[in-house]
């Protein structure tokens, strides 16, 4: 604080000292609040990164499950196609013979 401002505050006595205290308190609380907000934002970023990692892991698991179901469906369709061809051959043989 400049000396002239300090002198003016002292001229007002207790009220001036109280005003100086309020200014000091406001500045110190603003610094604390800035630090608190910075820490909170850091925590939010960490939480967001953790969330993204968990979502990616879940997507990978579901991709594996979906791929497994797709593979089984393709195998069953191929088996049904083979059965259909076999039955068509048998039907043709029965009708021909």
N, C-alpha and C. Protein backbone atom coordinates (compact mmCIF):
# COMPACT_ATOMS: atom_id res chain seq x y z
N UNK A 1 0.83 -1.16 0.00
CA UNK A 1 0.00 0.00 0.00
C UNK A 1 0.89 1.24 0.00
N UNK A 2 0.54 2.20 -0.81
CA UNK A 2 1.32 3.44 -0.79
C UNK A 2 1.20 4.13 0.56
N UNK A 3 2.24 4.88 0.93
CA UNK A 3 2.25 5.57 2.23
C UNK A 3 1.13 6.59 2.35
N UNK A 4 0.80 7.27 1.28
CA UNK A 4 -0.25 8.29 1.35
C UNK A 4 -1.60 7.65 1.65
N UNK A 5 -1.86 6.50 1.06
CA UNK A 5 -3.12 5.80 1.33
C UNK A 5 -3.17 5.30 2.77
N UNK A 6 -2.05 4.80 3.25
CA UNK A 6 -1.98 4.34 4.64
C UNK A 6 -2.20 5.50 5.60
N UNK A 7 -1.61 6.64 5.28
CA UNK A 7 -1.78 7.82 6.13
C UNK A 7 -3.24 8.25 6.15
N UNK A 8 -3.89 8.24 5.01
CA UNK A 8 -5.30 8.62 4.94
C UNK A 8 -6.16 7.66 5.76
N UNK A 9 -5.86 6.37 5.65
CA UNK A 9 -6.64 5.39 6.42
C UNK A 9 -6.43 5.58 7.92
N UNK A 10 -5.20 5.90 8.33
CA UNK A 10 -4.92 6.12 9.75
C UNK A 10 -5.60 7.39 10.25
N UNK A 11 -5.78 8.37 9.39
CA UNK A 11 -6.47 9.60 9.78
C UNK A 11 -7.93 9.33 10.13
N UNK A 12 -8.51 8.29 9.56
CA UNK A 12 -9.90 7.95 9.88
C UNK A 12 -10.01 7.10 11.14
N UNK A 13 -8.92 6.80 11.78
CA UNK A 13 -8.94 6.07 13.04
C UNK A 13 -9.32 4.62 12.86
N UNK A 14 -10.17 4.17 13.77
CA UNK A 14 -10.57 2.76 13.77
C UNK A 14 -11.31 2.40 12.49
N UNK A 15 -12.11 3.31 11.98
CA UNK A 15 -12.85 3.04 10.75
C UNK A 15 -11.89 2.87 9.57
N UNK A 16 -10.84 3.65 9.53
CA UNK A 16 -9.85 3.52 8.47
C UNK A 16 -9.09 2.21 8.58
N UNK A 17 -8.73 1.82 9.82
CA UNK A 17 -8.05 0.54 10.02
C UNK A 17 -8.96 -0.63 9.62
N UNK A 18 -10.23 -0.49 9.95
CA UNK A 18 -11.18 -1.53 9.59
C UNK A 18 -11.32 -1.63 8.08
N UNK A 19 -11.35 -0.49 7.40
CA UNK A 19 -11.42 -0.48 5.93
C UNK A 19 -10.19 -1.15 5.35
N UNK A 20 -9.01 -0.87 5.92
CA UNK A 20 -7.78 -1.50 5.44
C UNK A 20 -7.85 -3.01 5.66
N UNK A 21 -8.36 -3.41 6.82
CA UNK A 21 -8.52 -4.84 7.11
C UNK A 21 -9.44 -5.49 6.09
N UNK A 22 -10.56 -4.83 5.77
CA UNK A 22 -11.51 -5.39 4.80
C UNK A 22 -10.88 -5.54 3.42
N UNK A 23 -10.08 -4.57 3.01
CA UNK A 23 -9.38 -4.66 1.73
C UNK A 23 -8.41 -5.84 1.75
N UNK A 24 -7.63 -5.93 2.83
CA UNK A 24 -6.67 -7.04 2.96
C UNK A 24 -7.40 -8.38 2.94
N UNK A 25 -8.49 -8.45 3.70
CA UNK A 25 -9.25 -9.70 3.77
C UNK A 25 -9.83 -10.07 2.40
N UNK A 26 -10.34 -9.10 1.70
CA UNK A 26 -10.91 -9.36 0.38
C UNK A 26 -9.83 -9.92 -0.56
N UNK A 27 -8.66 -9.30 -0.56
CA UNK A 27 -7.59 -9.75 -1.44
C UNK A 27 -7.11 -11.16 -1.07
N UNK A 28 -6.97 -11.42 0.22
CA UNK A 28 -6.51 -12.75 0.62
C UNK A 28 -7.57 -13.81 0.34
N UNK A 29 -8.84 -13.47 0.52
CA UNK A 29 -9.91 -14.44 0.23
C UNK A 29 -10.01 -14.69 -1.28
N UNK A 30 -9.74 -13.67 -2.07
CA UNK A 30 -9.77 -13.85 -3.52
C UNK A 30 -8.67 -14.82 -3.96
N UNK A 31 -7.49 -14.70 -3.35
CA UNK A 31 -6.40 -15.62 -3.67
C UNK A 31 -6.76 -17.05 -3.28
N UNK A 32 -7.37 -17.19 -2.11
CA UNK A 32 -7.77 -18.53 -1.66
C UNK A 32 -8.84 -19.11 -2.59
N UNK A 33 -9.77 -18.26 -2.98
CA UNK A 33 -10.84 -18.72 -3.87
C UNK A 33 -10.28 -19.13 -5.23
N UNK A 34 -9.34 -18.35 -5.74
CA UNK A 34 -8.70 -18.70 -7.02
C UNK A 34 -7.99 -20.04 -6.92
N UNK A 35 -7.29 -20.27 -5.81
CA UNK A 35 -6.61 -21.55 -5.62
C UNK A 35 -7.62 -22.70 -5.50
N UNK A 36 -8.72 -22.45 -4.79
CA UNK A 36 -9.75 -23.47 -4.62
C UNK A 36 -10.39 -23.82 -5.95
N UNK A 37 -10.71 -22.81 -6.75
CA UNK A 37 -11.32 -23.06 -8.06
C UNK A 37 -10.34 -23.80 -8.96
N UNK A 38 -9.08 -23.43 -8.93
CA UNK A 38 -8.07 -24.13 -9.73
C UNK A 38 -7.97 -25.60 -9.35
N UNK A 39 -7.96 -25.88 -8.05
CA UNK A 39 -7.92 -27.28 -7.60
C UNK A 39 -9.17 -28.04 -8.00
N UNK A 40 -10.31 -27.38 -7.90
CA UNK A 40 -11.57 -28.01 -8.27
C UNK A 40 -11.59 -28.34 -9.76
N UNK A 41 -11.11 -27.42 -10.58
CA UNK A 41 -11.08 -27.68 -12.02
C UNK A 41 -10.13 -28.82 -12.35
N UNK A 42 -9.03 -28.91 -11.64
CA UNK A 42 -8.09 -30.02 -11.83
C UNK A 42 -8.76 -31.35 -11.49
N UNK A 43 -9.48 -31.37 -10.37
CA UNK A 43 -10.19 -32.59 -9.98
C UNK A 43 -11.24 -32.97 -11.02
N UNK A 44 -11.95 -31.98 -11.54
CA UNK A 44 -12.96 -32.27 -12.55
C UNK A 44 -12.33 -32.87 -13.81
N UNK A 45 -11.17 -32.36 -14.20
CA UNK A 45 -10.49 -32.91 -15.38
C UNK A 45 -10.07 -34.35 -15.14
N UNK A 46 -9.58 -34.64 -13.92
CA UNK A 46 -9.19 -36.01 -13.59
C UNK A 46 -10.40 -36.94 -13.61
N UNK A 47 -11.50 -36.47 -13.07
CA UNK A 47 -12.73 -37.27 -13.06
C UNK A 47 -13.19 -37.52 -14.48
N UNK A 48 -13.13 -36.50 -15.32
CA UNK A 48 -13.56 -36.64 -16.70
C UNK A 48 -12.68 -37.64 -17.45
N UNK A 49 -11.38 -37.59 -17.22
CA UNK A 49 -10.47 -38.54 -17.87
C UNK A 49 -10.76 -39.96 -17.42
N UNK A 50 -11.00 -40.13 -16.11
CA UNK A 50 -11.35 -41.46 -15.59
C UNK A 50 -12.64 -41.97 -16.19
N UNK A 51 -13.61 -41.08 -16.33
CA UNK A 51 -14.90 -41.45 -16.92
C UNK A 51 -14.70 -41.89 -18.37
N UNK A 52 -13.91 -41.11 -19.11
CA UNK A 52 -13.66 -41.46 -20.51
C UNK A 52 -12.98 -42.83 -20.62
N UNK A 53 -12.04 -43.11 -19.72
CA UNK A 53 -11.36 -44.41 -19.75
C UNK A 53 -12.34 -45.54 -19.46
N UNK A 54 -13.20 -45.34 -18.45
CA UNK A 54 -14.19 -46.38 -18.13
C UNK A 54 -15.16 -46.62 -19.28
N UNK A 55 -15.58 -45.54 -19.92
CA UNK A 55 -16.50 -45.68 -21.06
C UNK A 55 -15.82 -46.45 -22.19
N UNK A 56 -14.56 -46.14 -22.45
CA UNK A 56 -13.83 -46.84 -23.52
C UNK A 56 -13.69 -48.33 -23.21
N UNK A 57 -13.42 -48.66 -21.95
CA UNK A 57 -13.31 -50.07 -21.55
C UNK A 57 -14.66 -50.78 -21.75
N UNK A 58 -15.75 -50.12 -21.36
CA UNK A 58 -17.07 -50.72 -21.55
C UNK A 58 -17.37 -50.91 -23.03
N UNK A 59 -17.01 -49.93 -23.85
CA UNK A 59 -17.25 -50.07 -25.29
C UNK A 59 -16.47 -51.25 -25.86
N UNK A 60 -15.24 -51.42 -25.42
CA UNK A 60 -14.45 -52.55 -25.91
C UNK A 60 -15.09 -53.88 -25.51
N UNK A 61 -15.58 -53.95 -24.26
CA UNK A 61 -16.23 -55.19 -23.82
C UNK A 61 -17.47 -55.47 -24.64
N UNK A 62 -18.28 -54.44 -24.84
CA UNK A 62 -19.51 -54.63 -25.62
C UNK A 62 -19.20 -54.96 -27.07
N UNK A 63 -18.14 -54.39 -27.63
CA UNK A 63 -17.74 -54.73 -28.99
C UNK A 63 -17.40 -56.21 -29.10
N UNK A 64 -16.71 -56.73 -28.09
CA UNK A 64 -16.36 -58.15 -28.08
C UNK A 64 -17.63 -59.00 -28.01
N UNK A 65 -18.56 -58.62 -27.14
CA UNK A 65 -19.81 -59.38 -26.99
C UNK A 65 -20.61 -59.33 -28.29
N UNK A 66 -20.73 -58.14 -28.87
CA UNK A 66 -21.50 -58.00 -30.10
C UNK A 66 -20.85 -58.78 -31.24
N UNK A 67 -19.55 -58.73 -31.32
CA UNK A 67 -18.84 -59.49 -32.36
C UNK A 67 -19.07 -60.99 -32.17
N UNK A 68 -19.06 -61.44 -30.91
CA UNK A 68 -19.33 -62.86 -30.64
C UNK A 68 -20.72 -63.26 -31.09
N UNK A 69 -21.71 -62.43 -30.80
CA UNK A 69 -23.08 -62.73 -31.23
C UNK A 69 -23.18 -62.70 -32.75
N UNK A 70 -22.51 -61.75 -33.37
CA UNK A 70 -22.52 -61.68 -34.84
C UNK A 70 -21.90 -62.91 -35.47
N UNK A 71 -20.79 -63.36 -34.90
CA UNK A 71 -20.11 -64.54 -35.41
C UNK A 71 -21.00 -65.77 -35.27
N UNK A 72 -21.66 -65.91 -34.10
CA UNK A 72 -22.57 -67.04 -33.91
C UNK A 72 -23.72 -66.99 -34.89
N UNK A 73 -24.25 -65.78 -35.13
CA UNK A 73 -25.36 -65.65 -36.08
C UNK A 73 -24.91 -66.04 -37.49
N UNK A 74 -23.71 -65.64 -37.88
CA UNK A 74 -23.20 -66.01 -39.20
C UNK A 74 -23.02 -67.53 -39.31
N UNK A 75 -22.49 -68.15 -38.25
CA UNK A 75 -22.30 -69.60 -38.26
C UNK A 75 -23.64 -70.33 -38.35
N UNK A 76 -24.63 -69.86 -37.61
CA UNK A 76 -25.94 -70.50 -37.64
C UNK A 76 -26.60 -70.32 -39.00
N UNK A 77 -26.44 -69.13 -39.60
CA UNK A 77 -27.00 -68.92 -40.94
C UNK A 77 -26.32 -69.84 -41.95
N UNK A 78 -25.02 -69.99 -41.84
CA UNK A 78 -24.30 -70.88 -42.76
C UNK A 78 -24.78 -72.32 -42.57
N UNK A 79 -24.99 -72.72 -41.31
CA UNK A 79 -25.47 -74.08 -41.04
C UNK A 79 -26.87 -74.27 -41.61
N UNK A 80 -27.72 -73.26 -41.46
CA UNK A 80 -29.08 -73.35 -42.01
C UNK A 80 -29.04 -73.40 -43.53
N UNK A 81 -28.15 -72.64 -44.14
CA UNK A 81 -28.02 -72.68 -45.61
C UNK A 81 -27.58 -74.06 -46.07
N UNK A 82 -26.63 -74.67 -45.34
CA UNK A 82 -26.20 -76.03 -45.69
C UNK A 82 -27.34 -77.02 -45.54
N UNK A 83 -28.11 -76.89 -44.47
CA UNK A 83 -29.25 -77.79 -44.26
C UNK A 83 -30.28 -77.60 -45.37
N UNK A 84 -30.51 -76.35 -45.76
CA UNK A 84 -31.48 -76.06 -46.82
C UNK A 84 -31.05 -76.72 -48.13
N UNK A 85 -29.76 -76.59 -48.45
CA UNK A 85 -29.25 -77.21 -49.67
C UNK A 85 -29.37 -78.73 -49.60
N UNK A 86 -29.05 -79.28 -48.44
CA UNK A 86 -29.16 -80.74 -48.25
C UNK A 86 -30.59 -81.20 -48.43
N UNK A 87 -31.52 -80.45 -47.84
CA UNK A 87 -32.94 -80.83 -47.96
C UNK A 87 -33.43 -80.67 -49.40
N UNK A 88 -32.95 -79.64 -50.10
CA UNK A 88 -33.34 -79.47 -51.51
C UNK A 88 -32.82 -80.63 -52.35
N UNK A 89 -31.58 -81.06 -52.08
CA UNK A 89 -31.03 -82.22 -52.80
C UNK A 89 -31.84 -83.47 -52.53
N UNK A 90 -32.18 -83.67 -51.25
CA UNK A 90 -32.98 -84.86 -50.90
C UNK A 90 -34.35 -84.80 -51.56
N UNK A 91 -34.93 -83.61 -51.60
CA UNK A 91 -36.25 -83.46 -52.21
C UNK A 91 -36.19 -83.75 -53.71
N UNK A 92 -35.15 -83.22 -54.37
CA UNK A 92 -34.98 -83.49 -55.79
C UNK A 92 -34.77 -84.98 -56.06
N UNK A 93 -33.97 -85.63 -55.21
CA UNK A 93 -33.73 -87.07 -55.37
C UNK A 93 -35.02 -87.86 -55.17
N UNK A 94 -35.80 -87.42 -54.18
CA UNK A 94 -37.07 -88.12 -53.91
C UNK A 94 -38.03 -87.91 -55.07
N UNK A 95 -38.12 -86.71 -55.59
CA UNK A 95 -39.04 -86.44 -56.69
C UNK A 95 -38.57 -87.07 -57.99
N UNK A 96 -37.26 -87.16 -58.18
CA UNK A 96 -36.70 -87.76 -59.39
C UNK A 96 -36.79 -89.27 -59.37
N UNK A 97 -36.65 -89.84 -58.22
CA UNK A 97 -36.48 -91.27 -58.13
C UNK A 97 -37.68 -92.03 -57.85
